Every structure is written in C-alpha cells, then in structure tokens.
Amino acid sequence: MKKKTQGIAVSVIAVAALLSLGACGGMSRGEDTAVGAGVGGVAGAVLTGGSPVGTVGGAVVGGVVGNQIKK
C-alpha cells in the first residue's frame, strides 16, 4: 500500500511541477528559482516521508532547475 501511495504522490508532484513551471513564462530568474525551490522542497518532503534532508535536497535541486529552465 505504501508504494501505491508514494506512486500517486510522485504523479501529483510531477503534474504540479509541470503546471507551475508552465505558469512561469513572465517571471524573472529569481522568481523561477524560488518557485522551483518551493516545488522541489515539497516533492522532497513527500518522497522522503518528511525527512529534513530530503526536503532541503529537493529544494536545492528544484531551485537549480527553476534557475536553469529559461537558459
């Protein structure tokens, strides 16, 4: 049951990330970085069961992706 719940969570996070990045067309690079960090932090928290390391790691990866998305 846990794998099914985690799979659903990953799918929901992926859709949310795509929608939020699609809505960032007029944003500055700093705003993109902040949105990416927020989405990544939530994703990291969900995927690791609330682990602080997972949350911070997700935020870092999301911030980098958000920053690089328009290059």
PDB file of N, CA and C in Angstrom:
ATOM      1  N   MET A   1       0.822  -1.192   0.000  1.00  0.00           N
ATOM      2  CA  MET A   1       0.000   0.000   0.000  1.00  0.00           C
ATOM      3  C   MET A   1       0.866   1.256   0.000  1.00  0.00           C
ATOM      4  N   LYS A   2       2.000   1.209   0.700  1.00  0.00           N
ATOM      5  CA  LYS A   2       2.866   2.384   0.779  1.00  0.00           C
ATOM      6  C   LYS A   2       3.422   2.739  -0.597  1.00  0.00           C
ATOM      7  N   LYS A   3       3.785   1.740  -1.409  1.00  0.00           N
ATOM      8  CA  LYS A   3       4.320   2.012  -2.742  1.00  0.00           C
ATOM      9  C   LYS A   3       3.265   2.662  -3.626  1.00  0.00           C
ATOM     10  N   LYS A   4       2.021   2.227  -3.494  1.00  0.00           N
ATOM     11  CA  LYS A   4       0.945   2.816  -4.287  1.00  0.00           C
ATOM     12  C   LYS A   4       0.745   4.277  -3.902  1.00  0.00           C
ATOM     13  N   THR A   5       0.736   4.563  -2.613  1.00  0.00           N
ATOM     14  CA  THR A   5       0.578   5.931  -2.134  1.00  0.00           C
ATOM     15  C   THR A   5       1.745   6.794  -2.591  1.00  0.00           C
ATOM     16  N   GLN A   6       2.945   6.258  -2.525  1.00  0.00           N
ATOM     17  CA  GLN A   6       4.117   7.010  -2.955  1.00  0.00           C
ATOM     18  C   GLN A   6       4.062   7.250  -4.466  1.00  0.00           C
ATOM     19  N   GLY A   7       3.597   6.283  -5.226  1.00  0.00           N
ATOM     20  CA  GLY A   7       3.463   6.457  -6.670  1.00  0.00           C
ATOM     21  C   GLY A   7       2.467   7.544  -7.019  1.00  0.00           C
ATOM     22  N   ILE A   8       1.358   7.583  -6.294  1.00  0.00           N
ATOM     23  CA  ILE A   8       0.364   8.635  -6.510  1.00  0.00           C
ATOM     24  C   ILE A   8       0.953   9.991  -6.156  1.00  0.00           C
ATOM     25  N   ALA A   9       1.679  10.055  -5.055  1.00  0.00           N
ATOM     26  CA  ALA A   9       2.291  11.315  -4.634  1.00  0.00           C
ATOM     27  C   ALA A   9       3.287  11.811  -5.673  1.00  0.00           C
ATOM     28  N   VAL A  10       4.083  10.919  -6.218  1.00  0.00           N
ATOM     29  CA  VAL A  10       5.055  11.302  -7.251  1.00  0.00           C
ATOM     30  C   VAL A  10       4.329  11.838  -8.480  1.00  0.00           C
ATOM     31  N   SER A  11       3.250  11.197  -8.866  1.00  0.00           N
ATOM     32  CA  SER A  11       2.484  11.654 -10.026  1.00  0.00           C
ATOM     33  C   SER A  11       1.886  13.032  -9.790  1.00  0.00           C
ATOM     34  N   VAL A  12       1.331  13.239  -8.619  1.00  0.00           N
ATOM     35  CA  VAL A  12       0.737  14.537  -8.293  1.00  0.00           C
ATOM     36  C   VAL A  12       1.809  15.622  -8.277  1.00  0.00           C
ATOM     37  N   ILE A  13       2.957  15.320  -7.717  1.00  0.00           N
ATOM     38  CA  ILE A  13       4.048  16.297  -7.673  1.00  0.00           C
ATOM     39  C   ILE A  13       4.537  16.614  -9.082  1.00  0.00           C
ATOM     40  N   ALA A  14       4.654  15.609  -9.921  1.00  0.00           N
ATOM     41  CA  ALA A  14       5.119  15.847 -11.289  1.00  0.00           C
ATOM     42  C   ALA A  14       4.154  16.746 -12.040  1.00  0.00           C
ATOM     43  N   VAL A  15       2.869  16.508 -11.899  1.00  0.00           N
ATOM     44  CA  VAL A  15       1.870  17.351 -12.569  1.00  0.00           C
ATOM     45  C   VAL A  15       1.919  18.769 -12.010  1.00  0.00           C
ATOM     46  N   ALA A  16       2.025  18.899 -10.693  1.00  0.00           N
ATOM     47  CA  ALA A  16       2.094  20.226 -10.080  1.00  0.00           C
ATOM     48  C   ALA A  16       3.338  20.982 -10.544  1.00  0.00           C
ATOM     49  N   ALA A  17       4.455  20.286 -10.646  1.00  0.00           N
ATOM     50  CA  ALA A  17       5.692  20.931 -11.098  1.00  0.00           C
ATOM     51  C   ALA A  17       5.561  21.400 -12.539  1.00  0.00           C
ATOM     52  N   LEU A  18       4.993  20.570 -13.391  1.00  0.00           N
ATOM     53  CA  LEU A  18       4.820  20.965 -14.787  1.00  0.00           C
ATOM     54  C   LEU A  18       3.888  22.162 -14.911  1.00  0.00           C
ATOM     55  N   LEU A  19       2.795  22.150 -14.176  1.00  0.00           N
ATOM     56  CA  LEU A  19       1.864  23.270 -14.227  1.00  0.00           C
ATOM     57  C   LEU A  19       2.489  24.559 -13.684  1.00  0.00           C
ATOM     58  N   SER A  20       3.220  24.445 -12.599  1.00  0.00           N
ATOM     59  CA  SER A  20       3.818  25.651 -12.025  1.00  0.00           C
ATOM     60  C   SER A  20       4.934  26.196 -12.915  1.00  0.00           C
ATOM     61  N   LEU A  21       5.703  25.327 -13.543  1.00  0.00           N
ATOM     62  CA  LEU A  21       6.750  25.809 -14.444  1.00  0.00           C
ATOM     63  C   LEU A  21       6.140  26.390 -15.722  1.00  0.00           C
ATOM     64  N   GLY A  22       5.032  25.841 -16.165  1.00  0.00           N
ATOM     65  CA  GLY A  22       4.354  26.378 -17.339  1.00  0.00           C
ATOM     66  C   GLY A  22       3.780  27.762 -17.080  1.00  0.00           C
ATOM     67  N   ALA A  23       3.425  28.038 -15.856  1.00  0.00           N
ATOM     68  CA  ALA A  23       2.854  29.332 -15.500  1.00  0.00           C
ATOM     69  C   ALA A  23       3.922  30.387 -15.249  1.00  0.00           C
ATOM     70  N   CYS A  24       5.176  30.036 -15.375  1.00  0.00           N
ATOM     71  CA  CYS A  24       6.278  30.942 -15.046  1.00  0.00           C
ATOM     72  C   CYS A  24       6.784  31.718 -16.259  1.00  0.00           C
ATOM     73  N   GLY A  25       6.033  31.775 -17.328  1.00  0.00           N
ATOM     74  CA  GLY A  25       6.510  32.400 -18.549  1.00  0.00           C
ATOM     75  C   GLY A  25       6.987  33.837 -18.382  1.00  0.00           C
ATOM     76  N   GLY A  26       6.285  34.634 -17.585  1.00  0.00           N
ATOM     77  CA  GLY A  26       6.645  36.034 -17.430  1.00  0.00           C
ATOM     78  C   GLY A  26       7.446  36.330 -16.181  1.00  0.00           C
ATOM     79  N   MET A  27       7.937  35.325 -15.521  1.00  0.00           N
ATOM     80  CA  MET A  27       8.653  35.535 -14.266  1.00  0.00           C
ATOM     81  C   MET A  27      10.134  35.780 -14.502  1.00  0.00           C
ATOM     82  N   SER A  28      10.745  36.431 -13.528  1.00  0.00           N
ATOM     83  CA  SER A  28      12.191  36.648 -13.586  1.00  0.00           C
ATOM     84  C   SER A  28      12.911  35.387 -13.152  1.00  0.00           C
ATOM     85  N   ARG A  29      14.208  35.360 -13.366  1.00  0.00           N
ATOM     86  CA  ARG A  29      15.002  34.192 -12.983  1.00  0.00           C
ATOM     87  C   ARG A  29      14.948  33.950 -11.479  1.00  0.00           C
ATOM     88  N   GLY A  30      14.935  35.012 -10.683  1.00  0.00           N
ATOM     89  CA  GLY A  30      14.851  34.863  -9.224  1.00  0.00           C
ATOM     90  C   GLY A  30      13.527  34.253  -8.798  1.00  0.00           C
ATOM     91  N   GLU A  31      12.449  34.673  -9.453  1.00  0.00           N
ATOM     92  CA  GLU A  31      11.142  34.102  -9.137  1.00  0.00           C
ATOM     93  C   GLU A  31      11.076  32.636  -9.558  1.00  0.00           C
ATOM     94  N   ASP A  32      11.645  32.322 -10.719  1.00  0.00           N
ATOM     95  CA  ASP A  32      11.685  30.926 -11.171  1.00  0.00           C
ATOM     96  C   ASP A  32      12.455  30.056 -10.180  1.00  0.00           C
ATOM     97  N   THR A  33      13.543  30.591  -9.661  1.00  0.00           N
ATOM     98  CA  THR A  33      14.353  29.857  -8.691  1.00  0.00           C
ATOM     99  C   THR A  33      13.556  29.602  -7.420  1.00  0.00           C
ATOM    100  N   ALA A  34      12.838  30.620  -6.962  1.00  0.00           N
ATOM    101  CA  ALA A  34      12.040  30.474  -5.740  1.00  0.00           C
ATOM    102  C   ALA A  34      10.910  29.466  -5.925  1.00  0.00           C
ATOM    103  N   VAL A  35      10.225  29.525  -7.064  1.00  0.00           N
ATOM    104  CA  VAL A  35       9.148  28.567  -7.325  1.00  0.00           C
ATOM    105  C   VAL A  35       9.716  27.157  -7.422  1.00  0.00           C
ATOM    106  N   GLY A  36      10.829  27.003  -8.123  1.00  0.00           N
ATOM    107  CA  GLY A  36      11.462  25.689  -8.238  1.00  0.00           C
ATOM    108  C   GLY A  36      11.877  25.136  -6.889  1.00  0.00           C
ATOM    109  N   ALA A  37      12.412  26.005  -6.040  1.00  0.00           N
ATOM    110  CA  ALA A  37      12.825  25.566  -4.704  1.00  0.00           C
ATOM    111  C   ALA A  37      11.619  25.149  -3.877  1.00  0.00           C
ATOM    112  N   GLY A  38      10.534  25.879  -3.993  1.00  0.00           N
ATOM    113  CA  GLY A  38       9.319  25.526  -3.253  1.00  0.00           C
ATOM    114  C   GLY A  38       8.746  24.188  -3.692  1.00  0.00           C
ATOM    115  N   VAL A  39       8.619  24.018  -5.001  1.00  0.00           N
ATOM    116  CA  VAL A  39       8.092  22.758  -5.535  1.00  0.00           C
ATOM    117  C   VAL A  39       9.031  21.602  -5.191  1.00  0.00           C
ATOM    118  N   GLY A  40      10.329  21.820  -5.330  1.00  0.00           N
ATOM    119  CA  GLY A  40      11.306  20.784  -5.012  1.00  0.00           C
ATOM    120  C   GLY A  40      11.305  20.418  -3.538  1.00  0.00           C
ATOM    121  N   GLY A  41      11.144  21.413  -2.679  1.00  0.00           N
ATOM    122  CA  GLY A  41      11.094  21.144  -1.245  1.00  0.00           C
ATOM    123  C   GLY A  41       9.888  20.298  -0.866  1.00  0.00           C
ATOM    124  N   VAL A  42       8.744  20.631  -1.443  1.00  0.00           N
ATOM    125  CA  VAL A  42       7.539  19.833  -1.184  1.00  0.00           C
ATOM    126  C   VAL A  42       7.721  18.418  -1.720  1.00  0.00           C
ATOM    127  N   ALA A  43       8.250  18.314  -2.927  1.00  0.00           N
ATOM    128  CA  ALA A  43       8.467  16.989  -3.525  1.00  0.00           C
ATOM    129  C   ALA A  43       9.436  16.164  -2.683  1.00  0.00           C
ATOM    130  N   GLY A  44      10.524  16.787  -2.255  1.00  0.00           N
ATOM    131  CA  GLY A  44      11.495  16.081  -1.422  1.00  0.00           C
ATOM    132  C   GLY A  44      10.897  15.621  -0.106  1.00  0.00           C
ATOM    133  N   ALA A  45      10.049  16.458   0.493  1.00  0.00           N
ATOM    134  CA  ALA A  45       9.410  16.095   1.752  1.00  0.00           C
ATOM    135  C   ALA A  45       8.463  14.914   1.569  1.00  0.00           C
ATOM    136  N   VAL A  46       7.686  14.954   0.492  1.00  0.00           N
ATOM    137  CA  VAL A  46       6.729  13.864   0.251  1.00  0.00           C
ATOM    138  C   VAL A  46       7.461  12.561  -0.046  1.00  0.00           C
ATOM    139  N   LEU A  47       8.463  12.634  -0.896  1.00  0.00           N
ATOM    140  CA  LEU A  47       9.163  11.424  -1.315  1.00  0.00           C
ATOM    141  C   LEU A  47       9.971  10.776  -0.194  1.00  0.00           C
ATOM    142  N   THR A  48      10.389  11.564   0.787  1.00  0.00           N
ATOM    143  CA  THR A  48      11.203  11.007   1.870  1.00  0.00           C
ATOM    144  C   THR A  48      10.452  10.914   3.187  1.00  0.00           C
ATOM    145  N   GLY A  49       9.144  11.106   3.140  1.00  0.00           N
ATOM    146  CA  GLY A  49       8.346  10.996   4.367  1.00  0.00           C
ATOM    147  C   GLY A  49       8.593  12.113   5.355  1.00  0.00           C
ATOM    148  N   GLY A  50       8.945  13.296   4.881  1.00  0.00           N
ATOM    149  CA  GLY A  50       9.154  14.441   5.762  1.00  0.00           C
ATOM    150  C   GLY A  50      10.561  14.591   6.281  1.00  0.00           C
ATOM    151  N   SER A  51      11.495  13.846   5.729  1.00  0.00           N
ATOM    152  CA  SER A  51      12.884  13.944   6.168  1.00  0.00           C
ATOM    153  C   SER A  51      13.441  15.341   5.878  1.00  0.00           C
ATOM    154  N   PRO A  52      14.082  15.969   6.850  1.00  0.00           N
ATOM    155  CA  PRO A  52      14.666  17.288   6.604  1.00  0.00           C
ATOM    156  C   PRO A  52      15.708  17.274   5.486  1.00  0.00           C
ATOM    157  N   VAL A  53      16.485  16.219   5.421  1.00  0.00           N
ATOM    158  CA  VAL A  53      17.497  16.120   4.366  1.00  0.00           C
ATOM    159  C   VAL A  53      16.825  16.030   2.997  1.00  0.00           C
ATOM    160  N   GLY A  54      15.758  15.250   2.898  1.00  0.00           N
ATOM    161  CA  GLY A  54      15.026  15.126   1.641  1.00  0.00           C
ATOM    162  C   GLY A  54      14.373  16.435   1.240  1.00  0.00           C
ATOM    163  N   THR A  55      13.843  17.160   2.215  1.00  0.00           N
ATOM    164  CA  THR A  55      13.193  18.439   1.940  1.00  0.00           C
ATOM    165  C   THR A  55      14.207  19.464   1.436  1.00  0.00           C
ATOM    166  N   VAL A  56      15.329  19.565   2.125  1.00  0.00           N
ATOM    167  CA  VAL A  56      16.365  20.520   1.712  1.00  0.00           C
ATOM    168  C   VAL A  56      16.969  20.111   0.374  1.00  0.00           C
ATOM    169  N   GLY A  57      17.224  18.820   0.207  1.00  0.00           N
ATOM    170  CA  GLY A  57      17.770  18.346  -1.068  1.00  0.00           C
ATOM    171  C   GLY A  57      16.827  18.630  -2.220  1.00  0.00           C
ATOM    172  N   GLY A  58      15.533  18.396  -2.010  1.00  0.00           N
ATOM    173  CA  GLY A  58      14.544  18.694  -3.043  1.00  0.00           C
ATOM    174  C   GLY A  58      14.486  20.170  -3.359  1.00  0.00           C
ATOM    175  N   ALA A  59      14.583  21.011  -2.332  1.00  0.00           N
ATOM    176  CA  ALA A  59      14.561  22.455  -2.548  1.00  0.00           C
ATOM    177  C   ALA A  59      15.782  22.913  -3.341  1.00  0.00           C
ATOM    178  N   VAL A  60      16.927  22.352  -3.045  1.00  0.00           N
ATOM    179  CA  VAL A  60      18.150  22.719  -3.771  1.00  0.00           C
ATOM    180  C   VAL A  60      18.043  22.312  -5.237  1.00  0.00           C
ATOM    181  N   VAL A  61      17.637  21.080  -5.473  1.00  0.00           N
ATOM    182  CA  VAL A  61      17.517  20.603  -6.858  1.00  0.00           C
ATOM    183  C   VAL A  61      16.448  21.407  -7.600  1.00  0.00           C
ATOM    184  N   GLY A  62      15.313  21.638  -6.949  1.00  0.00           N
ATOM    185  CA  GLY A  62      14.249  22.425  -7.578  1.00  0.00           C
ATOM    186  C   GLY A  62      14.684  23.848  -7.880  1.00  0.00           C
ATOM    187  N   GLY A  63      15.435  24.458  -6.980  1.00  0.00           N
ATOM    188  CA  GLY A  63      15.942  25.806  -7.224  1.00  0.00           C
ATOM    189  C   GLY A  63      16.872  25.873  -8.411  1.00  0.00           C
ATOM    190  N   VAL A  64      17.739  24.890  -8.533  1.00  0.00           N
ATOM    191  CA  VAL A  64      18.665  24.845  -9.674  1.00  0.00           C
ATOM    192  C   VAL A  64      17.893  24.664 -10.975  1.00  0.00           C
ATOM    193  N   VAL A  65      16.924  23.750 -10.966  1.00  0.00           N
ATOM    194  CA  VAL A  65      16.125  23.527 -12.173  1.00  0.00           C
ATOM    195  C   VAL A  65      15.344  24.790 -12.525  1.00  0.00           C
ATOM    196  N   GLY A  66      14.724  25.423 -11.530  1.00  0.00           N
ATOM    197  CA  GLY A  66      13.983  26.657 -11.781  1.00  0.00           C
ATOM    198  C   GLY A  66      14.864  27.758 -12.332  1.00  0.00           C
ATOM    199  N   ASN A  67      16.082  27.840 -11.851  1.00  0.00           N
ATOM    200  CA  ASN A  67      17.018  28.858 -12.319  1.00  0.00           C
ATOM    201  C   ASN A  67      17.477  28.600 -13.746  1.00  0.00           C
ATOM    202  N   GLN A  68      17.644  27.341 -14.124  1.00  0.00           N
ATOM    203  CA  GLN A  68      18.190  26.981 -15.415  1.00  0.00           C
ATOM    204  C   GLN A  68      17.120  26.810 -16.503  1.00  0.00           C
ATOM    205  N   ILE A  69      15.868  26.826 -16.160  1.00  0.00           N
ATOM    206  CA  ILE A  69      14.798  26.453 -17.069  1.00  0.00           C
ATOM    207  C   ILE A  69      14.721  27.368 -18.300  1.00  0.00           C
ATOM    208  N   LYS A  70      15.098  28.624 -18.185  1.00  0.00           N
ATOM    209  CA  LYS A  70      14.986  29.564 -19.322  1.00  0.00           C
ATOM    210  C   LYS A  70      16.276  29.742 -20.103  1.00  0.00           C
ATOM    211  N   LYS A  71      17.319  29.071 -19.719  1.00  0.00           N
ATOM    212  CA  LYS A  71      18.602  29.259 -20.406  1.00  0.00           C
ATOM    213  C   LYS A  71      18.589  28.608 -21.749  1.00  0.00           C
TER     214      LYS A  71
END
